[in-house]
C-alpha atoms as a PDB file:
ATOM      1  CA  MET A   1      94.985  30.362  38.186  1.00  0.00           C
ATOM      2  CA  SER A   2      93.372  32.179  35.321  1.00  0.00           C
ATOM      3  CA  ASN A   3      95.337  31.222  32.220  1.00  0.00           C
ATOM      4  CA  LEU A   4      96.809  27.756  32.401  1.00  0.00           C
ATOM      5  CA  ILE A   5      99.047  26.420  29.659  1.00  0.00           C
ATOM      6  CA  LYS A   6      97.200  23.671  27.748  1.00  0.00           C
ATOM      7  CA  SER A   7      99.069  20.468  26.940  1.00  0.00           C
ATOM      8  CA  SER A   8     100.154  20.047  23.322  1.00  0.00           C
ATOM      9  CA  HIS A   9      99.391  16.317  23.547  1.00  0.00           C
ATOM     10  CA  VAL A  10      95.656  15.560  23.079  1.00  0.00           C
ATOM     11  CA  VAL A  11      94.369  12.095  24.078  1.00  0.00           C
ATOM     12  CA  SER A  12      92.071  10.757  21.329  1.00  0.00           C
ATOM     13  CA  LEU A  13      88.778   8.979  21.894  1.00  0.00           C
ATOM     14  CA  GLU A  14      90.332   5.737  20.604  1.00  0.00           C
ATOM     15  CA  ASP A  15      93.105   6.013  23.135  1.00  0.00           C
ATOM     16  CA  LEU A  16      90.592   6.536  25.878  1.00  0.00           C
ATOM     17  CA  LYS A  17      88.705   3.433  24.780  1.00  0.00           C
ATOM     18  CA  ARG A  18      91.857   1.413  24.750  1.00  0.00           C
ATOM     19  CA  LEU A  19      92.781   2.781  28.179  1.00  0.00           C
ATOM     20  CA  GLU A  20      89.377   1.753  29.493  1.00  0.00           C
ATOM     21  CA  LEU A  21      89.809  -1.690  27.874  1.00  0.00           C
ATOM     22  CA  MET A  22      93.204  -2.034  29.513  1.00  0.00           C
ATOM     23  CA  ARG A  23      91.686  -1.138  32.887  1.00  0.00           C
ATOM     24  CA  MET A  24      88.936  -3.747  32.415  1.00  0.00           C
ATOM     25  CA  ILE A  25      91.356  -6.393  31.292  1.00  0.00           C
ATOM     26  CA  SER A  26      93.648  -5.652  34.185  1.00  0.00           C
ATOM     27  CA  SER A  27      90.821  -5.783  36.709  1.00  0.00           C
ATOM     28  CA  ASN A  28      89.364  -9.046  35.301  1.00  0.00           C
ATOM     29  CA  SER A  29      92.571 -10.803  34.472  1.00  0.00           C
ATOM     30  CA  HIS A  30      92.250 -13.069  37.479  1.00  0.00           C
ATOM     31  CA  ASN A  31      88.907 -14.421  36.071  1.00  0.00           C
ATOM     32  CA  ILE A  32      90.337 -15.371  32.695  1.00  0.00           C
ATOM     33  CA  SER A  33      92.300 -18.517  32.315  1.00  0.00           C
ATOM     34  CA  GLU A  34      95.292 -18.829  30.102  1.00  0.00           C
ATOM     35  CA  SER A  35      93.466 -21.305  27.858  1.00  0.00           C
ATOM     36  CA  ASP A  36      90.608 -18.998  26.992  1.00  0.00           C
ATOM     37  CA  VAL A  37      92.816 -16.162  25.683  1.00  0.00           C
ATOM     38  CA  ASP A  38      94.978 -16.329  22.655  1.00  0.00           C
ATOM     39  CA  GLY A  39      98.596 -15.806  23.752  1.00  0.00           C
ATOM     40  CA  GLU A  40      99.651 -13.735  20.759  1.00  0.00           C
ATOM     41  CA  GLY A  41      96.586 -11.448  20.778  1.00  0.00           C
ATOM     42  CA  ASN A  42      96.881 -10.897  24.500  1.00  0.00           C
ATOM     43  CA  GLN A  43     100.535  -9.922  24.135  1.00  0.00           C
ATOM     44  CA  ALA A  44      99.696  -7.403  21.395  1.00  0.00           C
ATOM     45  CA  VAL A  45      97.031  -5.794  23.579  1.00  0.00           C
ATOM     46  CA  ASP A  46      99.414  -5.574  26.512  1.00  0.00           C
ATOM     47  CA  VAL A  47     102.106  -3.837  24.441  1.00  0.00           C
ATOM     48  CA  GLU A  48      99.718  -1.316  22.960  1.00  0.00           C
ATOM     49  CA  THR A  49      98.092  -0.692  26.289  1.00  0.00           C
ATOM     50  CA  GLN A  50     101.435  -0.159  27.995  1.00  0.00           C
ATOM     51  CA  SER A  51     102.492   2.248  25.263  1.00  0.00           C
ATOM     52  CA  LEU A  52      99.281   4.233  25.631  1.00  0.00           C
ATOM     53  CA  LYS A  53      99.681   4.216  29.368  1.00  0.00           C
ATOM     54  CA  ASP A  54     103.220   5.500  29.144  1.00  0.00           C
ATOM     55  CA  ARG A  55     102.194   8.204  26.693  1.00  0.00           C
ATOM     56  CA  ILE A  56      99.319   9.355  28.902  1.00  0.00           C
ATOM     57  CA  ILE A  57     101.566   9.427  31.965  1.00  0.00           C
ATOM     58  CA  ALA A  58     104.241  11.386  30.113  1.00  0.00           C
ATOM     59  CA  ASP A  59     101.653  13.838  28.825  1.00  0.00           C
ATOM     60  CA  ALA A  60     100.219  14.240  32.331  1.00  0.00           C
ATOM     61  CA  GLU A  61     103.655  14.838  33.810  1.00  0.00           C
ATOM     62  CA  HIS A  62     104.445  17.392  31.113  1.00  0.00           C
ATOM     63  CA  THR A  63     101.132  19.165  31.671  1.00  0.00           C
ATOM     64  CA  ALA A  64     101.685  19.139  35.424  1.00  0.00           C
ATOM     65  CA  ARG A  65     105.125  20.690  34.980  1.00  0.00           C
ATOM     66  CA  GLN A  66     103.707  23.375  32.695  1.00  0.00           C
ATOM     67  CA  ILE A  67     100.925  24.128  35.183  1.00  0.00           C
ATOM     68  CA  LEU A  68     103.437  24.302  38.026  1.00  0.00           C
ATOM     69  CA  LEU A  69     105.705  26.663  36.100  1.00  0.00           C
ATOM     70  CA  GLN A  70     102.682  28.749  35.101  1.00  0.00           C
ATOM     71  CA  ALA A  71     101.540  28.872  38.724  1.00  0.00           C
ATOM     72  CA  GLN A  72     104.999  29.828  39.945  1.00  0.00           C
ATOM     73  CA  ALA A  73     105.273  32.593  37.333  1.00  0.00           C
ATOM     74  CA  GLU A  74     101.833  33.927  38.137  1.00  0.00           C
ATOM     75  CA  ALA A  75     102.556  33.741  41.868  1.00  0.00           C
ATOM     76  CA  THR A  76     105.803  35.674  41.367  1.00  0.00           C
ATOM     77  CA  GLU A  77     104.014  38.261  39.245  1.00  0.00           C
ATOM     78  CA  LEU A  78     101.181  38.569  41.759  1.00  0.00           C
ATOM     79  CA  ARG A  79     103.648  38.941  44.613  1.00  0.00           C
ATOM     80  CA  ALA A  80     105.605  41.596  42.698  1.00  0.00           C
ATOM     81  CA  GLU A  81     102.407  43.407  41.774  1.00  0.00           C
ATOM     82  CA  ALA A  82     101.220  43.251  45.382  1.00  0.00           C
ATOM     83  CA  GLU A  83     104.554  44.633  46.545  1.00  0.00           C
ATOM     84  CA  ARG A  84     104.356  47.429  43.974  1.00  0.00           C
ATOM     85  CA  GLU A  85     100.813  48.261  45.002  1.00  0.00           C
ATOM     86  CA  ALA A  86     101.788  48.192  48.684  1.00  0.00           C
ATOM     87  CA  GLU A  87     104.829  50.394  48.030  1.00  0.00           C
ATOM     88  CA  SER A  88     102.703  52.776  45.966  1.00  0.00           C
ATOM     89  CA  TRP A  89     100.120  52.915  48.741  1.00  0.00           C
ATOM     90  CA  TRP A  90     102.737  53.553  51.388  1.00  0.00           C
ATOM     91  CA  GLN A  91     104.413  56.205  49.229  1.00  0.00           C
ATOM     92  CA  SER A  92     101.074  57.933  48.720  1.00  0.00           C
ATOM     93  CA  ARG A  93     100.387  57.699  52.435  1.00  0.00           C
ATOM     94  CA  ARG A  94     103.812  59.106  53.289  1.00  0.00           C
ATOM     95  CA  GLU A  95     103.287  62.003  50.872  1.00  0.00           C
ATOM     96  CA  GLN A  96      99.889  62.741  52.391  1.00  0.00           C
ATOM     97  CA  ASP A  97     101.326  62.549  55.890  1.00  0.00           C
ATOM     98  CA  GLU A  98     104.151  64.880  54.866  1.00  0.00           C
ATOM     99  CA  LEU A  99     101.655  67.334  53.385  1.00  0.00           C
ATOM    100  CA  HIS A 100      99.604  67.178  56.566  1.00  0.00           C
ATOM    101  CA  ARG A 101     102.698  67.736  58.676  1.00  0.00           C
ATOM    102  CA  GLU A 102     103.788  70.684  56.534  1.00  0.00           C
ATOM    103  CA  GLU A 103     100.321  72.202  56.678  1.00  0.00           C
ATOM    104  CA  ALA A 104     100.104  71.704  60.424  1.00  0.00           C
ATOM    105  CA  SER A 105     103.602  73.096  60.843  1.00  0.00           C
ATOM    106  CA  ARG A 106     102.789  76.099  58.662  1.00  0.00           C
ATOM    107  CA  GLN A 107      99.581  76.810  60.549  1.00  0.00           C
ATOM    108  CA  GLY A 108     101.347  76.331  63.865  1.00  0.00           C
ATOM    109  CA  TYR A 109     104.183  78.597  62.740  1.00  0.00           C
ATOM    110  CA  GLU A 110     101.784  81.321  61.609  1.00  0.00           C
ATOM    111  CA  GLU A 111      99.757  81.097  64.794  1.00  0.00           C
ATOM    112  CA  GLY A 112     102.907  80.974  66.879  1.00  0.00           C
ATOM    113  CA  TYR A 113     104.380  83.861  64.908  1.00  0.00           C
ATOM    114  CA  GLN A 114     101.286  85.997  65.439  1.00  0.00           C
ATOM    115  CA  VAL A 115     101.183  85.182  69.140  1.00  0.00           C
ATOM    116  CA  GLY A 116     104.941  85.622  69.473  1.00  0.00           C
ATOM    117  CA  ALA A 117     104.922  88.889  67.534  1.00  0.00           C
ATOM    118  CA  GLY A 118     102.167  90.305  69.713  1.00  0.00           C
ATOM    119  CA  GLN A 119     103.911  89.205  72.880  1.00  0.00           C
ATOM    120  CA  ALA A 120     107.241  90.554  71.647  1.00  0.00           C
ATOM    121  CA  GLU A 121     105.640  93.901  70.804  1.00  0.00           C
ATOM    122  CA  ALA A 122     104.037  94.103  74.242  1.00  0.00           C
ATOM    123  CA  ASP A 123     107.306  93.165  75.949  1.00  0.00           C
ATOM    124  CA  LEU A 124     109.233  95.683  73.854  1.00  0.00           C
ATOM    125  CA  LYS A 125     106.735  98.426  74.668  1.00  0.00           C
ATOM    126  CA  GLN A 126     106.929  97.616  78.352  1.00  0.00           C
ATOM    127  CA  GLN A 127     110.731  97.605  78.249  1.00  0.00           C
ATOM    128  CA  TRP A 128     110.744 100.890  76.352  1.00  0.00           C
ATOM    129  CA  GLU A 129     108.399 102.553  78.856  1.00  0.00           C
ATOM    130  CA  SER A 130     110.455 101.195  81.737  1.00  0.00           C
ATOM    131  CA  ARG A 131     113.699 102.444  80.208  1.00  0.00           C
ATOM    132  CA  LEU A 132     112.091 105.796  79.433  1.00  0.00           C
ATOM    133  CA  GLN A 133     111.076 106.160  83.056  1.00  0.00           C
ATOM    134  CA  GLU A 134     114.566 105.164  84.137  1.00  0.00           C
ATOM    135  CA  SER A 135     116.045 107.704  81.722  1.00  0.00           C
ATOM    136  CA  GLU A 136     113.798 110.452  83.063  1.00  0.00           C
ATOM    137  CA  ALA A 137     114.780 109.530  86.609  1.00  0.00           C
ATOM    138  CA  ILE A 138     118.459 109.548  85.645  1.00  0.00           C
ATOM    139  CA  VAL A 139     118.092 112.939  83.950  1.00  0.00           C
ATOM    140  CA  GLN A 140     116.347 114.330  87.017  1.00  0.00           C
ATOM    141  CA  GLN A 141     119.065 112.912  89.248  1.00  0.00           C
ATOM    142  CA  ALA A 142     121.679 114.364  86.935  1.00  0.00           C
ATOM    143  CA  TYR A 143     120.086 117.825  87.147  1.00  0.00           C
ATOM    144  CA  SER A 144     119.906 117.545  90.917  1.00  0.00           C
ATOM    145  CA  ALA A 145     123.483 116.295  91.123  1.00  0.00           C
ATOM    146  CA  LYS A 146     124.615 119.057  88.789  1.00  0.00           C
ATOM    147  CA  GLU A 147     122.954 121.759  90.854  1.00  0.00           C
ATOM    148  CA  SER A 148     124.259 120.198  94.040  1.00  0.00           C
ATOM    149  CA  VAL A 149     127.788 120.071  92.665  1.00  0.00           C
ATOM    150  CA  ILE A 150     127.525 123.619  91.368  1.00  0.00           C
ATOM    151  CA  MET A 151     126.145 124.901  94.659  1.00  0.00           C
ATOM    152  CA  GLU A 152     128.721 123.031  96.699  1.00  0.00           C
ATOM    153  CA  GLY A 153     131.434 124.085  94.299  1.00  0.00           C
ATOM    154  CA  GLU A 154     130.403 127.726  94.357  1.00  0.00           C
ATOM    155  CA  ALA A 155     130.127 127.707  98.134  1.00  0.00           C
ATOM    156  CA  PHE A 156     133.523 126.096  98.354  1.00  0.00           C
ATOM    157  CA  LEU A 157     134.956 128.699  96.011  1.00  0.00           C
ATOM    158  CA  VAL A 158     133.473 131.499  98.109  1.00  0.00           C
ATOM    159  CA  GLU A 159     134.980 130.046 101.277  1.00  0.00           C
ATOM    160  CA  LEU A 160     138.294 129.485  99.589  1.00  0.00           C
ATOM    161  CA  SER A 161     138.352 132.943  98.049  1.00  0.00           C
ATOM    162  CA  CYS A 162     137.539 134.647 101.328  1.00  0.00           C
ATOM    163  CA  SER A 163     140.160 132.642 103.158  1.00  0.00           C
ATOM    164  CA  ILE A 164     142.785 133.490 100.563  1.00  0.00           C
ATOM    165  CA  ALA A 165     141.767 137.153 100.551  1.00  0.00           C
ATOM    166  CA  GLU A 166     142.020 137.334 104.335  1.00  0.00           C
ATOM    167  CA  LYS A 167     145.509 135.878 104.333  1.00  0.00           C
ATOM    168  CA  ILE A 168     146.663 138.173 101.547  1.00  0.00           C
ATOM    169  CA  ILE A 169     145.240 141.293 103.242  1.00  0.00           C
ATOM    170  CA  ASN A 170     146.727 140.399 106.618  1.00  0.00           C
ATOM    171  CA  ARG A 171     150.096 139.775 105.024  1.00  0.00           C
ATOM    172  CA  LYS A 172     149.963 143.060 103.145  1.00  0.00           C
ATOM    173  CA  LEU A 173     148.944 145.008 106.236  1.00  0.00           C
ATOM    174  CA  ALA A 174     151.683 143.384 108.302  1.00  0.00           C
ATOM    175  CA  LYS A 175     154.327 144.318 105.759  1.00  0.00           C
ATOM    176  CA  ALA A 176     152.931 147.819 105.035  1.00  0.00           C
ATOM    177  CA  PRO A 177     151.469 149.494 108.169  1.00  0.00           C
ATOM    178  CA  GLU A 178     150.775 152.647 106.163  1.00  0.00           C
ATOM    179  CA  MET A 179     148.018 150.743 104.386  1.00  0.00           C
ATOM    180  CA  ALA A 180     146.326 150.181 107.763  1.00  0.00           C
ATOM    181  CA  MET A 181     146.532 153.906 108.436  1.00  0.00           C
ATOM    182  CA  LYS A 182     144.376 154.576 105.408  1.00  0.00           C
ATOM    183  CA  LEU A 183     141.783 152.123 106.765  1.00  0.00           C
ATOM    184  CA  TYR A 184     141.826 153.883 110.143  1.00  0.00           C
ATOM    185  CA  GLU A 185     141.417 157.319 108.548  1.00  0.00           C
ATOM    186  CA  LYS A 186     138.480 156.067 106.492  1.00  0.00           C
ATOM    187  CA  ALA A 187     136.778 154.560 109.539  1.00  0.00           C
ATOM    188  CA  LEU A 188     137.287 157.776 111.584  1.00  0.00           C
ATOM    189  CA  SER A 189     135.976 159.978 108.792  1.00  0.00           C
ATOM    190  CA  ARG A 190     132.614 158.275 109.117  1.00  0.00           C
ATOM    191  CA  ARG A 191     132.203 159.851 112.574  1.00  0.00           C
ATOM    192  CA  LYS A 192     131.126 163.482 112.275  1.00  0.00           C
ATOM    193  CA  GLU A 193     129.978 164.012 115.858  1.00  0.00           C
ATOM    194  CA  GLN A 194     131.812 165.921 118.556  1.00  0.00           C
ATOM    195  CA  GLY A 195     133.006 164.454 121.786  1.00  0.00           C
ATOM    196  CA  THR A 196     135.353 161.588 122.514  1.00  0.00           C
ATOM    197  CA  ILE A 197     136.074 159.148 119.722  1.00  0.00           C
ATOM    198  CA  VAL A 198     137.815 155.887 120.736  1.00  0.00           C
ATOM    199  CA  LEU A 199     139.939 154.047 118.155  1.00  0.00           C
ATOM    200  CA  CYS A 200     140.581 150.407 119.113  1.00  0.00           C
ATOM    201  CA  VAL A 201     143.488 148.743 117.291  1.00  0.00           C
ATOM    202  CA  SER A 202     145.583 145.578 117.438  1.00  0.00           C
ATOM    203  CA  PRO A 203     148.059 145.564 120.341  1.00  0.00           C
ATOM    204  CA  SER A 204     150.869 144.876 117.877  1.00  0.00           C
ATOM    205  CA  GLN A 205     150.074 148.107 116.034  1.00  0.00           C
ATOM    206  CA  PHE A 206     149.164 150.279 119.011  1.00  0.00           C
ATOM    207  CA  ALA A 207     152.514 152.087 119.226  1.00  0.00           C
ATOM    208  CA  TYR A 208     152.599 152.767 115.520  1.00  0.00           C
ATOM    209  CA  VAL A 209     149.055 154.147 115.496  1.00  0.00           C
ATOM    210  CA  GLN A 210     149.653 156.186 118.657  1.00  0.00           C
ATOM    211  CA  ALA A 211     152.623 157.836 116.990  1.00  0.00           C
ATOM    212  CA  ALA A 212     150.407 158.847 114.076  1.00  0.00           C
ATOM    213  CA  LYS A 213     147.626 160.247 116.303  1.00  0.00           C
ATOM    214  CA  GLU A 214     147.986 163.834 115.150  1.00  0.00           C
ATOM    215  CA  GLU A 215     147.573 162.739 111.574  1.00  0.00           C
ATOM    216  CA  LEU A 216     144.492 160.701 112.395  1.00  0.00           C
ATOM    217  CA  ILE A 217     142.833 163.577 114.268  1.00  0.00           C
ATOM    218  CA  LEU A 218     142.560 165.424 110.989  1.00  0.00           C
ATOM    219  CA  SER A 219     139.897 162.904 109.919  1.00  0.00           C
ATOM    220  CA  LEU A 220     137.609 163.971 112.824  1.00  0.00           C
ATOM    221  CA  ASP A 221     135.579 167.053 113.678  1.00  0.00           C
ATOM    222  CA  ALA A 222     137.628 169.866 115.154  1.00  0.00           C
ATOM    223  CA  GLN A 223     135.654 169.606 118.406  1.00  0.00           C
ATOM    224  CA  ALA A 224     136.201 165.858 118.701  1.00  0.00           C
ATOM    225  CA  GLU A 225     138.776 164.168 120.941  1.00  0.00           C
ATOM    226  CA  LEU A 226     140.618 161.043 119.766  1.00  0.00           C
ATOM    227  CA  GLN A 227     141.636 158.256 122.109  1.00  0.00           C
ATOM    228  CA  ILE A 228     143.646 155.234 120.872  1.00  0.00           C
ATOM    229  CA  VAL A 229     143.446 151.977 122.870  1.00  0.00           C
ATOM    230  CA  PRO A 230     144.719 148.439 122.218  1.00  0.00           C
ATOM    231  CA  ASP A 231     142.170 145.592 121.804  1.00  0.00           C
ATOM    232  CA  SER A 232     143.209 141.931 121.761  1.00  0.00           C
ATOM    233  CA  THR A 233     140.153 140.937 119.710  1.00  0.00           C
ATOM    234  CA  ILE A 234     141.412 142.970 116.772  1.00  0.00           C
ATOM    235  CA  GLN A 235     143.915 141.633 114.253  1.00  0.00           C
ATOM    236  CA  GLU A 236     146.528 143.728 112.489  1.00  0.00           C
ATOM    237  CA  GLY A 237     145.085 146.216 110.035  1.00  0.00           C
ATOM    238  CA  GLY A 238     141.653 146.230 111.636  1.00  0.00           C
ATOM    239  CA  CYS A 239     139.996 148.653 114.034  1.00  0.00           C
ATOM    240  CA  ILE A 240     136.791 149.491 115.889  1.00  0.00           C
ATOM    241  CA  VAL A 241     135.623 153.084 116.224  1.00  0.00           C
ATOM    242  CA  ARG A 242     133.398 153.781 119.256  1.00  0.00           C
ATOM    243  CA  SER A 243     131.494 156.914 120.249  1.00  0.00           C
ATOM    244  CA  ALA A 244     128.456 157.955 122.195  1.00  0.00           C
ATOM    245  CA  PHE A 245     126.335 157.283 119.117  1.00  0.00           C
ATOM    246  CA  GLY A 246     127.543 153.729 118.491  1.00  0.00           C
ATOM    247  CA  SER A 247     130.459 151.873 116.967  1.00  0.00           C
ATOM    248  CA  ILE A 248     131.919 151.065 113.574  1.00  0.00           C
ATOM    249  CA  ASP A 249     133.507 147.616 113.171  1.00  0.00           C
ATOM    250  CA  ALA A 250     136.261 147.991 110.597  1.00  0.00           C
ATOM    251  CA  ARG A 251     138.098 144.778 111.384  1.00  0.00           C
ATOM    252  CA  VAL A 252     139.354 142.946 108.315  1.00  0.00           C
ATOM    253  CA  ASP A 253     137.958 139.568 109.329  1.00  0.00           C
ATOM    254  CA  THR A 254     134.537 141.092 110.101  1.00  0.00           C
ATOM    255  CA  GLN A 255     134.367 142.771 106.727  1.00  0.00           C
ATOM    256  CA  LEU A 256     135.466 139.586 104.946  1.00  0.00           C
ATOM    257  CA  GLU A 257     132.846 137.593 106.869  1.00  0.00           C
ATOM    258  CA  ALA A 258     130.133 140.002 105.741  1.00  0.00           C
ATOM    259  CA  ILE A 259     131.340 139.679 102.161  1.00  0.00           C
ATOM    260  CA  ARG A 260     131.404 135.872 102.460  1.00  0.00           C
ATOM    261  CA  GLU A 261     127.840 135.690 103.802  1.00  0.00           C
ATOM    262  CA  GLN A 262     126.588 137.947 101.056  1.00  0.00           C
ATOM    263  CA  LEU A 263     128.271 135.831  98.375  1.00  0.00           C
ATOM    264  CA  LEU A 264     126.848 132.612  99.852  1.00  0.00           C
ATOM    265  CA  ARG A 265     123.339 134.094  99.780  1.00  0.00           C
ATOM    266  CA  VAL A 266     123.821 134.978  96.129  1.00  0.00           C
ATOM    267  CA  VAL A 267     125.062 131.455  95.353  1.00  0.00           C
ATOM    268  CA  SER A 268     122.150 129.818  97.191  1.00  0.00           C
ATOM    269  CA  HIS A 269     119.566 132.030  95.492  1.00  0.00           C
ATOM    270  CA  GLY A 270     121.088 131.369  92.069  1.00  0.00           C
ATOM    271  CA  SER A 271     121.071 127.603  92.644  1.00  0.00           C
ATOM    272  CA  GLU A 272     117.375 127.628  93.585  1.00  0.00           C
ATOM    273  CA  GLU A 273     116.490 129.618  90.485  1.00  0.00           C
ATOM    274  CA  GLY A 274     118.578 127.304  88.303  1.00  0.00           C
ATOM    275  CA  THR A 275     116.911 124.200  89.727  1.00  0.00           C
ATOM    276  CA  ARG A 276     113.414 125.526  89.006  1.00  0.00           C
ATOM    277  CA  HIS A 277     114.288 126.537  85.437  1.00  0.00           C
ATOM    278  CA  ALA A 278     116.429 123.508  84.546  1.00  0.00           C
ATOM    279  CA  ALA A 279     114.049 120.847  85.854  1.00  0.00           C
ATOM    280  CA  PRO A 280     112.366 119.040  82.869  1.00  0.00           C
END
């Protein structure tokens, strides 16, 4: 201990001498007989010595208590100071560790952010290029599908239109035979040669056409001869004109078939041109 509390009781030199005398008397008392020592003087020395002894003991006990209290106080203070220093050291260490963690976290975040940003950009670019390629493929497929639908639709419309036209014409010719007569006259007028001209007609209309033979002859050359014959391959309203120079097929279905084929060629050619021009 550094600063001990001094006792307020100071033992004087005289007291020390008396204490030493008491010790000597006590240690040599067995060598002194009762006759050699004055009874009254010896009693006075014993009383004074005992008093000094008691005072020294009391002073020693008091000093010991003061030292003990001082030691306890200093020990408590040292322990508290040690605890404060330890707590301060640990607090400083925790703060440093926290700073190190924050710095490491910040550096790791920045590095991770840079790496992640670069990777994300690369992934995004790859996804964009992939989607762009998919979009181009879809557009190309759409153009192809469009042209296919248009071509199929146009072809279907041609077929449908020709079929409807054929039915309408046949119905009209069946209800109005005079309309067929005009077709026959037109077909005969295309033959300007002399000789025998054969007009083939539908069996169902043979009688009607035969009855109008004189009228039909007017469409031919004056030196030509007209023969009318039935033909089972010919539908109502149609005819075939034959001569030595060839034949003219004026059947309704044949003419509609020629029209249909021509329309389909136009549709196919237009679709090919559209595909070449519309392709990106």
